[in-house]
């Protein structure tokens, strides 16, 4: 069981690193000035809501975040023993 826990922690670390590697440059790009382009793209999009793909993507991202938090909490709990 310890083997699975170690691999779970490694997988959580990899997913965290990948998500930070994606979101940090995107945030820096968004803050660097092409805000007008983003505003223009938001004005032109159709008013249909997220759609099924957007909702599925949102659920996947929330699931990954919850999984990472659970792995971190489980790791802290097992380290105290």
Protein backbone atom coordinates (compact mmCIF):
# COMPACT_ATOMS: atom_id res chain seq x y z
CA UNK A 1 0.00 0.00 0.00
CA UNK A 2 2.91 2.34 0.64
CA UNK A 3 3.96 1.78 -2.96
CA UNK A 4 0.62 3.09 -4.21
CA UNK A 5 0.78 6.06 -1.86
CA UNK A 6 4.22 7.03 -3.15
CA UNK A 7 3.08 6.80 -6.76
CA UNK A 8 -0.04 8.79 -5.91
CA UNK A 9 2.10 11.52 -4.38
CA UNK A 10 4.34 11.54 -7.42
CA UNK A 11 1.35 11.76 -9.74
CA UNK A 12 -0.04 14.64 -7.69
CA UNK A 13 3.28 16.45 -7.91
CA UNK A 14 3.43 15.94 -11.66
CA UNK A 15 -0.13 17.19 -12.17
CA UNK A 16 0.57 20.21 -10.00
CA UNK A 17 3.73 21.03 -11.93
CA UNK A 18 1.98 20.66 -15.28
CA UNK A 19 -0.92 22.85 -14.24
CA UNK A 20 1.45 25.53 -12.94
CA UNK A 21 3.50 25.30 -16.12
CA UNK A 22 0.34 26.08 -18.08
CA UNK A 23 -1.39 28.66 -15.88
CA UNK A 24 1.57 30.82 -14.81
CA UNK A 25 2.60 31.79 -18.38
CA UNK A 26 -1.05 32.36 -19.29
CA UNK A 27 -1.48 34.72 -16.35
CA UNK A 28 1.72 36.55 -17.27
CA UNK A 29 0.59 36.86 -20.88
CA UNK A 30 -2.81 38.15 -19.83
CA UNK A 31 -1.23 40.78 -17.57
CA UNK A 32 1.30 41.95 -20.18
CA UNK A 33 -1.06 44.02 -22.29
CA UNK A 34 -3.14 42.16 -24.86
CA UNK A 35 -6.18 42.73 -22.68
CA UNK A 36 -7.93 44.50 -25.53
CA UNK A 37 -7.71 41.34 -27.59
CA UNK A 38 -9.30 39.31 -24.80
CA UNK A 39 -12.08 41.86 -24.37
CA UNK A 40 -12.77 41.84 -28.10
CA UNK A 41 -12.86 38.03 -28.17
CA UNK A 42 -15.28 38.02 -25.23
CA UNK A 43 -17.60 40.43 -27.04
CA UNK A 44 -17.71 38.33 -30.19
CA UNK A 45 -18.40 34.95 -28.65
CA UNK A 46 -21.91 33.58 -28.97
CA UNK A 47 -24.14 33.81 -25.90
CA UNK A 48 -24.75 30.08 -25.60
CA UNK A 49 -23.01 29.55 -22.27
CA UNK A 50 -20.28 26.99 -21.66
CA UNK A 51 -21.59 24.17 -23.75
CA UNK A 52 -20.96 20.54 -22.96
CA UNK A 53 -17.21 20.71 -23.63
CA UNK A 54 -16.75 23.70 -21.32
CA UNK A 55 -18.73 22.06 -18.54
CA UNK A 56 -16.77 18.81 -18.88
CA UNK A 57 -13.47 20.69 -18.85
CA UNK A 58 -14.52 22.61 -15.74
CA UNK A 59 -15.47 19.39 -13.93
CA UNK A 60 -12.15 17.77 -14.82
CA UNK A 61 -10.18 20.76 -13.51
CA UNK A 62 -12.18 20.81 -10.25
CA UNK A 63 -11.66 17.05 -9.86
CA UNK A 64 -7.89 17.38 -10.31
CA UNK A 65 -7.73 20.18 -7.73
CA UNK A 66 -9.74 18.13 -5.21
CA UNK A 67 -7.50 15.11 -5.83
CA UNK A 68 -4.35 17.16 -5.24
CA UNK A 69 -5.73 18.61 -2.01
CA UNK A 70 -6.71 15.15 -0.77
CA UNK A 71 -3.27 13.75 -1.56
CA UNK A 72 -1.58 16.60 0.27
CA UNK A 73 -3.83 16.20 3.32
CA UNK A 74 -3.31 12.43 3.37
CA UNK A 75 0.45 12.91 3.16
CA UNK A 76 0.44 15.28 6.13
CA UNK A 77 -1.66 12.92 8.19
CA UNK A 78 0.56 9.89 7.57
CA UNK A 79 3.74 11.85 8.33
CA UNK A 80 2.71 12.54 11.95
CA UNK A 81 2.62 8.89 12.98
